[in-house]
Amino acid sequence: MGLRNVTLRRFSISLGALLMLCALLWFWAAIQQRESSLAIRPVSANISMPDGFSVWHHLDANGIRFKSITPQNDALVIKFESSDQSAAAKEVLDRTLPHGYIIAQLDDEDSLAPQWLSRLRDTPHRFG
């Protein structure tokens, strides 16, 4: 009888530890798979947004994979699987798109980046 209680106690502690480990691994995997986005906005109202096909062409030519390209609130939003892909795409688009666009990373939906983008777009820029 005493041996049975010890075995049952060990089994329940082991099962609890295994469940805790599985929950921690699941939580870690969920944190690591955070998608990232880029928003491309024109600097002034007289510049039109780049079309999605040309952006797709530039990214594809450089081997950068993305999930989607969609127009959203006067911007072209590109979604990526990771922030590394997003950073590489930002570097490529900074080089290949003509001047007159703001390309900003949006890592999470709750960030203040859309507010900063609108502030940057509304203020005049002097280059050169």
N, C-alpha and C. Protein backbone atom coordinates (compact mmCIF):
# COMPACT_ATOMS: atom_id res chain seq x y z
N MET A 1 0.82 -1.19 0.00
CA MET A 1 0.00 0.00 0.00
C MET A 1 0.87 1.26 0.00
N GLY A 2 1.93 1.28 0.81
CA GLY A 2 2.82 2.42 0.88
C GLY A 2 3.60 2.61 -0.41
N LEU A 3 4.00 1.51 -1.04
CA LEU A 3 4.74 1.58 -2.30
C LEU A 3 3.85 2.13 -3.42
N ARG A 4 2.59 1.80 -3.38
CA ARG A 4 1.64 2.26 -4.39
C ARG A 4 1.44 3.78 -4.29
N ASN A 5 1.36 4.32 -3.08
CA ASN A 5 1.20 5.76 -2.89
C ASN A 5 2.43 6.53 -3.37
N VAL A 6 3.62 5.97 -3.10
CA VAL A 6 4.85 6.63 -3.54
C VAL A 6 4.92 6.64 -5.07
N THR A 7 4.56 5.53 -5.69
CA THR A 7 4.58 5.44 -7.16
C THR A 7 3.57 6.41 -7.77
N LEU A 8 2.39 6.47 -7.20
CA LEU A 8 1.37 7.38 -7.69
C LEU A 8 1.80 8.84 -7.53
N ARG A 9 2.43 9.16 -6.42
CA ARG A 9 2.91 10.52 -6.18
C ARG A 9 4.01 10.88 -7.18
N ARG A 10 4.95 9.97 -7.40
CA ARG A 10 6.02 10.23 -8.38
C ARG A 10 5.46 10.41 -9.79
N PHE A 11 4.49 9.58 -10.14
CA PHE A 11 3.87 9.69 -11.46
C PHE A 11 3.17 11.04 -11.63
N SER A 12 2.43 11.47 -10.63
CA SER A 12 1.71 12.74 -10.74
C SER A 12 2.68 13.93 -10.79
N ILE A 13 3.77 13.88 -10.04
CA ILE A 13 4.78 14.96 -10.08
C ILE A 13 5.48 14.97 -11.45
N SER A 14 5.79 13.81 -11.98
CA SER A 14 6.42 13.72 -13.30
C SER A 14 5.48 14.22 -14.40
N LEU A 15 4.23 13.86 -14.31
CA LEU A 15 3.24 14.32 -15.29
C LEU A 15 3.07 15.83 -15.22
N GLY A 16 3.03 16.38 -14.03
CA GLY A 16 2.92 17.83 -13.85
C GLY A 16 4.13 18.56 -14.42
N ALA A 17 5.33 18.02 -14.16
CA ALA A 17 6.55 18.63 -14.70
C ALA A 17 6.57 18.55 -16.22
N LEU A 18 6.13 17.44 -16.78
CA LEU A 18 6.08 17.29 -18.24
C LEU A 18 5.09 18.26 -18.86
N LEU A 19 3.94 18.42 -18.24
CA LEU A 19 2.96 19.38 -18.74
C LEU A 19 3.48 20.82 -18.66
N MET A 20 4.19 21.14 -17.60
CA MET A 20 4.78 22.47 -17.45
C MET A 20 5.84 22.70 -18.53
N LEU A 21 6.66 21.71 -18.80
CA LEU A 21 7.68 21.82 -19.84
C LEU A 21 7.04 22.00 -21.22
N CYS A 22 5.99 21.25 -21.49
CA CYS A 22 5.29 21.40 -22.78
C CYS A 22 4.67 22.79 -22.91
N ALA A 23 4.10 23.30 -21.85
CA ALA A 23 3.52 24.64 -21.89
C ALA A 23 4.59 25.70 -22.13
N LEU A 24 5.74 25.57 -21.49
CA LEU A 24 6.84 26.52 -21.70
C LEU A 24 7.37 26.46 -23.13
N LEU A 25 7.53 25.26 -23.68
CA LEU A 25 7.98 25.12 -25.06
C LEU A 25 6.97 25.71 -26.04
N TRP A 26 5.69 25.49 -25.81
CA TRP A 26 4.65 26.05 -26.67
C TRP A 26 4.66 27.58 -26.60
N PHE A 27 4.81 28.12 -25.41
CA PHE A 27 4.86 29.57 -25.23
C PHE A 27 6.08 30.16 -25.93
N TRP A 28 7.23 29.52 -25.81
CA TRP A 28 8.45 29.99 -26.45
C TRP A 28 8.30 29.97 -27.97
N ALA A 29 7.71 28.91 -28.51
CA ALA A 29 7.50 28.82 -29.96
C ALA A 29 6.54 29.90 -30.44
N ALA A 30 5.52 30.20 -29.66
CA ALA A 30 4.58 31.24 -30.05
C ALA A 30 5.24 32.62 -30.07
N ILE A 31 6.14 32.86 -29.15
CA ILE A 31 6.86 34.14 -29.11
C ILE A 31 7.82 34.25 -30.29
N GLN A 32 8.48 33.17 -30.66
CA GLN A 32 9.47 33.19 -31.72
C GLN A 32 8.85 33.38 -33.10
N GLN A 33 7.59 33.03 -33.31
CA GLN A 33 6.96 33.12 -34.61
C GLN A 33 6.15 34.40 -34.76
N ARG A 34 6.77 35.49 -34.46
CA ARG A 34 6.11 36.79 -34.53
C ARG A 34 6.26 37.35 -35.92
N GLU A 35 5.16 37.67 -36.55
CA GLU A 35 5.27 38.21 -37.89
C GLU A 35 5.58 39.70 -37.84
N SER A 36 6.13 40.18 -38.90
CA SER A 36 6.56 41.56 -38.97
C SER A 36 6.01 42.18 -40.26
N SER A 37 5.90 43.50 -40.27
CA SER A 37 5.34 44.19 -41.43
C SER A 37 6.15 45.42 -41.77
N LEU A 38 6.09 45.78 -43.04
CA LEU A 38 6.65 47.04 -43.53
C LEU A 38 5.51 47.87 -44.08
N ALA A 39 5.56 49.15 -43.86
CA ALA A 39 4.58 50.07 -44.44
C ALA A 39 5.32 51.05 -45.33
N ILE A 40 4.85 51.18 -46.56
CA ILE A 40 5.44 52.13 -47.51
C ILE A 40 4.42 53.23 -47.74
N ARG A 41 4.82 54.46 -47.42
CA ARG A 41 3.94 55.62 -47.59
C ARG A 41 4.65 56.68 -48.42
N PRO A 42 3.90 57.41 -49.25
CA PRO A 42 4.50 58.54 -49.96
C PRO A 42 4.76 59.69 -49.01
N VAL A 43 5.83 60.45 -49.27
CA VAL A 43 6.20 61.58 -48.41
C VAL A 43 5.16 62.70 -48.53
N SER A 44 4.67 62.94 -49.73
CA SER A 44 3.69 64.01 -49.91
C SER A 44 2.48 63.48 -50.67
N ALA A 45 1.43 64.28 -50.68
CA ALA A 45 0.17 63.85 -51.28
C ALA A 45 0.25 63.76 -52.81
N ASN A 46 1.18 64.46 -53.44
CA ASN A 46 1.25 64.43 -54.90
C ASN A 46 2.03 63.24 -55.43
N ILE A 47 2.57 62.39 -54.56
CA ILE A 47 3.28 61.17 -54.97
C ILE A 47 2.34 59.99 -54.74
N SER A 48 2.20 59.15 -55.76
CA SER A 48 1.32 58.00 -55.61
C SER A 48 2.07 56.84 -54.96
N MET A 49 1.29 55.90 -54.40
CA MET A 49 1.89 54.71 -53.79
C MET A 49 2.51 53.85 -54.88
N PRO A 50 3.60 53.15 -54.57
CA PRO A 50 4.13 52.22 -55.57
C PRO A 50 3.16 51.06 -55.74
N ASP A 51 3.13 50.49 -56.94
CA ASP A 51 2.22 49.37 -57.09
C ASP A 51 2.83 48.10 -56.50
N GLY A 52 1.98 47.20 -56.07
CA GLY A 52 2.41 45.98 -55.40
C GLY A 52 3.26 45.08 -56.28
N PHE A 53 2.99 45.11 -57.61
CA PHE A 53 3.75 44.25 -58.51
C PHE A 53 5.22 44.67 -58.56
N SER A 54 5.49 45.96 -58.61
CA SER A 54 6.89 46.40 -58.66
C SER A 54 7.61 46.08 -57.36
N VAL A 55 6.92 46.23 -56.24
CA VAL A 55 7.51 45.88 -54.94
C VAL A 55 7.78 44.38 -54.90
N TRP A 56 6.81 43.58 -55.36
CA TRP A 56 6.98 42.12 -55.42
C TRP A 56 8.20 41.77 -56.27
N HIS A 57 8.34 42.44 -57.42
CA HIS A 57 9.47 42.17 -58.31
C HIS A 57 10.81 42.45 -57.63
N HIS A 58 10.92 43.58 -56.94
CA HIS A 58 12.17 43.92 -56.25
C HIS A 58 12.50 42.91 -55.15
N LEU A 59 11.49 42.50 -54.40
CA LEU A 59 11.73 41.55 -53.31
C LEU A 59 12.08 40.17 -53.86
N ASP A 60 11.36 39.74 -54.89
CA ASP A 60 11.62 38.43 -55.48
C ASP A 60 13.00 38.37 -56.14
N ALA A 61 13.41 39.45 -56.78
CA ALA A 61 14.72 39.48 -57.42
C ALA A 61 15.85 39.36 -56.40
N ASN A 62 15.60 39.75 -55.16
CA ASN A 62 16.62 39.65 -54.11
C ASN A 62 16.40 38.45 -53.19
N GLY A 63 15.49 37.56 -53.54
CA GLY A 63 15.27 36.34 -52.78
C GLY A 63 14.60 36.54 -51.43
N ILE A 64 13.81 37.59 -51.29
CA ILE A 64 13.13 37.86 -50.02
C ILE A 64 11.69 37.39 -50.13
N ARG A 65 11.31 36.50 -49.23
CA ARG A 65 9.95 35.95 -49.23
C ARG A 65 9.05 36.78 -48.33
N PHE A 66 7.79 36.89 -48.69
CA PHE A 66 6.82 37.64 -47.91
C PHE A 66 5.50 36.91 -47.92
N LYS A 67 4.62 37.28 -46.99
CA LYS A 67 3.29 36.66 -46.90
C LYS A 67 2.28 37.36 -47.79
N SER A 68 2.23 38.70 -47.71
CA SER A 68 1.23 39.42 -48.49
C SER A 68 1.64 40.87 -48.69
N ILE A 69 1.06 41.47 -49.74
CA ILE A 69 1.21 42.89 -50.01
C ILE A 69 -0.20 43.44 -50.18
N THR A 70 -0.59 44.37 -49.30
CA THR A 70 -1.95 44.92 -49.38
C THR A 70 -1.94 46.43 -49.18
N PRO A 71 -2.78 47.14 -49.94
CA PRO A 71 -2.94 48.58 -49.66
C PRO A 71 -3.81 48.75 -48.41
N GLN A 72 -3.40 49.69 -47.55
CA GLN A 72 -4.14 49.88 -46.30
C GLN A 72 -3.90 51.30 -45.78
N ASN A 73 -4.94 52.10 -45.65
CA ASN A 73 -4.87 53.45 -45.09
C ASN A 73 -3.76 54.29 -45.73
N ASP A 74 -3.83 54.50 -47.02
CA ASP A 74 -2.85 55.32 -47.75
C ASP A 74 -1.42 54.78 -47.64
N ALA A 75 -1.28 53.48 -47.48
CA ALA A 75 0.04 52.86 -47.40
C ALA A 75 -0.02 51.50 -48.07
N LEU A 76 1.12 50.99 -48.42
CA LEU A 76 1.25 49.64 -48.93
C LEU A 76 1.90 48.83 -47.82
N VAL A 77 1.19 47.84 -47.27
CA VAL A 77 1.67 47.05 -46.13
C VAL A 77 2.12 45.68 -46.63
N ILE A 78 3.35 45.32 -46.29
CA ILE A 78 3.92 44.03 -46.67
C ILE A 78 4.15 43.24 -45.40
N LYS A 79 3.61 42.03 -45.33
CA LYS A 79 3.74 41.18 -44.14
C LYS A 79 4.78 40.09 -44.40
N PHE A 80 5.62 39.87 -43.38
CA PHE A 80 6.69 38.88 -43.44
C PHE A 80 6.56 37.91 -42.28
N GLU A 81 7.21 36.76 -42.39
CA GLU A 81 7.18 35.77 -41.32
C GLU A 81 8.07 36.15 -40.15
N SER A 82 9.13 36.94 -40.40
CA SER A 82 10.04 37.29 -39.31
C SER A 82 10.52 38.73 -39.48
N SER A 83 11.07 39.26 -38.41
CA SER A 83 11.60 40.62 -38.47
C SER A 83 12.90 40.68 -39.27
N ASP A 84 13.61 39.55 -39.39
CA ASP A 84 14.83 39.52 -40.21
C ASP A 84 14.48 39.71 -41.69
N GLN A 85 13.42 39.05 -42.14
CA GLN A 85 12.98 39.22 -43.53
C GLN A 85 12.53 40.66 -43.76
N SER A 86 11.85 41.21 -42.79
CA SER A 86 11.37 42.59 -42.90
C SER A 86 12.53 43.57 -42.99
N ALA A 87 13.56 43.37 -42.18
CA ALA A 87 14.73 44.25 -42.21
C ALA A 87 15.47 44.15 -43.54
N ALA A 88 15.59 42.93 -44.06
CA ALA A 88 16.25 42.75 -45.36
C ALA A 88 15.44 43.41 -46.46
N ALA A 89 14.12 43.30 -46.40
CA ALA A 89 13.26 43.93 -47.40
C ALA A 89 13.35 45.45 -47.31
N LYS A 90 13.42 45.99 -46.11
CA LYS A 90 13.54 47.44 -45.94
C LYS A 90 14.82 47.93 -46.60
N GLU A 91 15.90 47.20 -46.40
CA GLU A 91 17.18 47.58 -47.00
C GLU A 91 17.09 47.55 -48.53
N VAL A 92 16.49 46.51 -49.09
CA VAL A 92 16.36 46.40 -50.54
C VAL A 92 15.46 47.50 -51.09
N LEU A 93 14.34 47.74 -50.44
CA LEU A 93 13.40 48.75 -50.95
C LEU A 93 13.95 50.16 -50.80
N ASP A 94 14.74 50.41 -49.77
CA ASP A 94 15.40 51.71 -49.64
C ASP A 94 16.32 51.98 -50.83
N ARG A 95 16.99 50.92 -51.29
CA ARG A 95 17.90 51.05 -52.44
C ARG A 95 17.16 51.16 -53.77
N THR A 96 16.07 50.40 -53.94
CA THR A 96 15.47 50.24 -55.26
C THR A 96 14.30 51.18 -55.55
N LEU A 97 13.54 51.56 -54.54
CA LEU A 97 12.41 52.47 -54.80
C LEU A 97 12.93 53.89 -55.01
N PRO A 98 12.24 54.67 -55.85
CA PRO A 98 12.66 56.06 -56.01
C PRO A 98 12.44 56.84 -54.72
N HIS A 99 13.13 57.98 -54.61
CA HIS A 99 12.98 58.81 -53.41
C HIS A 99 11.56 59.33 -53.32
N GLY A 100 11.12 59.63 -52.14
CA GLY A 100 9.77 60.13 -51.94
C GLY A 100 8.87 59.18 -51.17
N TYR A 101 9.46 58.12 -50.63
CA TYR A 101 8.68 57.15 -49.86
C TYR A 101 9.28 56.96 -48.48
N ILE A 102 8.40 56.76 -47.51
CA ILE A 102 8.81 56.41 -46.16
C ILE A 102 8.57 54.91 -46.01
N ILE A 103 9.61 54.18 -45.68
CA ILE A 103 9.51 52.74 -45.48
C ILE A 103 9.82 52.47 -44.02
N ALA A 104 8.80 52.01 -43.28
CA ALA A 104 8.97 51.82 -41.84
C ALA A 104 8.54 50.43 -41.43
N GLN A 105 9.25 49.85 -40.47
CA GLN A 105 8.90 48.54 -39.94
C GLN A 105 7.81 48.68 -38.90
N LEU A 106 6.83 47.80 -38.99
CA LEU A 106 5.76 47.73 -38.00
C LEU A 106 5.82 46.34 -37.39
N ASP A 107 6.45 46.20 -36.21
CA ASP A 107 6.62 44.88 -35.63
C ASP A 107 5.42 44.37 -34.86
N ASP A 108 4.61 45.24 -34.32
CA ASP A 108 3.39 44.78 -33.68
C ASP A 108 2.28 45.79 -33.91
N GLU A 109 1.06 45.27 -33.85
CA GLU A 109 -0.11 46.08 -34.17
C GLU A 109 -0.37 47.17 -33.13
N ASP A 110 0.10 46.99 -31.91
CA ASP A 110 -0.19 47.94 -30.84
C ASP A 110 0.84 49.06 -30.74
N SER A 111 1.79 49.08 -31.65
CA SER A 111 2.85 50.07 -31.54
C SER A 111 2.37 51.45 -31.95
N LEU A 112 3.19 52.44 -31.69
CA LEU A 112 2.86 53.81 -32.06
C LEU A 112 3.39 54.17 -33.45
N ALA A 113 3.89 53.18 -34.18
CA ALA A 113 4.48 53.44 -35.49
C ALA A 113 3.51 54.10 -36.47
N PRO A 114 2.24 53.71 -36.56
CA PRO A 114 1.36 54.40 -37.50
C PRO A 114 1.22 55.90 -37.17
N GLN A 115 1.24 56.24 -35.89
CA GLN A 115 1.16 57.65 -35.51
C GLN A 115 2.42 58.38 -35.95
N TRP A 116 3.60 57.78 -35.76
CA TRP A 116 4.85 58.40 -36.17
C TRP A 116 4.92 58.53 -37.68
N LEU A 117 4.40 57.52 -38.39
CA LEU A 117 4.40 57.60 -39.85
C LEU A 117 3.55 58.78 -40.32
N SER A 118 2.40 58.95 -39.72
CA SER A 118 1.55 60.07 -40.14
C SER A 118 2.20 61.40 -39.79
N ARG A 119 2.90 61.47 -38.67
CA ARG A 119 3.60 62.71 -38.32
C ARG A 119 4.74 62.99 -39.30
N LEU A 120 5.47 61.96 -39.67
CA LEU A 120 6.56 62.13 -40.64
C LEU A 120 6.01 62.55 -42.00
N ARG A 121 4.89 61.99 -42.39
CA ARG A 121 4.32 62.28 -43.69
C ARG A 121 3.78 63.70 -43.75
N ASP A 122 3.25 64.21 -42.65
CA ASP A 122 2.64 65.53 -42.65
C ASP A 122 3.64 66.67 -42.52
N THR A 123 4.87 66.38 -42.11
CA THR A 123 5.86 67.45 -41.96
C THR A 123 6.68 67.57 -43.25
N PRO A 124 7.03 68.77 -43.63
CA PRO A 124 7.83 68.92 -44.85
C PRO A 124 9.26 68.45 -44.63
N HIS A 125 9.82 67.82 -45.65
CA HIS A 125 11.20 67.34 -45.59
C HIS A 125 12.06 68.16 -46.52
N ARG A 126 13.25 68.47 -46.08
CA ARG A 126 14.20 69.19 -46.94
C ARG A 126 15.41 68.31 -47.10
N PHE A 127 15.61 67.86 -48.32
CA PHE A 127 16.74 67.00 -48.60
C PHE A 127 17.79 67.80 -49.37
N GLY A 128 19.07 67.53 -49.08
CA GLY A 128 20.15 68.15 -49.84
C GLY A 128 20.48 69.45 -49.30
